[in-house]
Amino acid sequence: MPTGGAIPAMLMSFVGSLTTEEEQLAKAMNEIGPFTAISKPGEALPELGAARIYVSDAEWQDKVTGLMSRARLVLLRAGSTAGFWWEVERVAREVPPEKLLFLLPYDAAEYEAFRRKAETYLPCRLPPYAPGRKHIGSIQGVLFFQPGWIPQLIRVQHSGQSVDWARQFKRSLEPVFNQLHVE
């Protein structure tokens, strides 16, 4: 029979495997402030993780703009929809760069396509993708900005077999937390 820390580690691994990527991200992000998302249109059952706000198609842009203006950190999971690019254009105009973070679920080729399009909305050039194979769930990199739109691209730090993504996200996001003066 395992002794010491083996049972808690096995239990943590099992419990961690039952939580979604968004739940783990919410656990990390709730240290900065409430982790909130606009629900997907027609969503019958929300994903576990972020607190959901339900708005009509006619209201979502006003609601997003209001949330962005009050947020301590605006986190965008990189995507390709028209709504995502509207959010990028809006955040580039209305949010200080140090309050913006992109989660990148991309390999190098996908990131390059994202980079080219994002540079048409953002007032800076984005760095090339750093090589690496580590990822936390689907997230492979994080793009954030220092004041003056100085981009910082970091690959997420995943160590070992752990499925405690919240801890891994916090470790990867340490430079962002430091910039926001979050312990």
Foldseek 3Di string as FASTA:
>chain_A
DDDDCPVVQVVQQVVLVPADPQQLQLVQCCLQNQFEDEDDPPDPDDHPHHHYDYDDPVCPVVVLLVCQLPDLADEAADDDDPVSVVSLLSCQPRPFQLRYKYFYLDDQVVVVVVQVVSVVRHVDHEDHDDDDDDAQVSGQWMWGADGPRHIDIDGFDDDDDHSSVNVSVCVRCVVSCVSSVRD
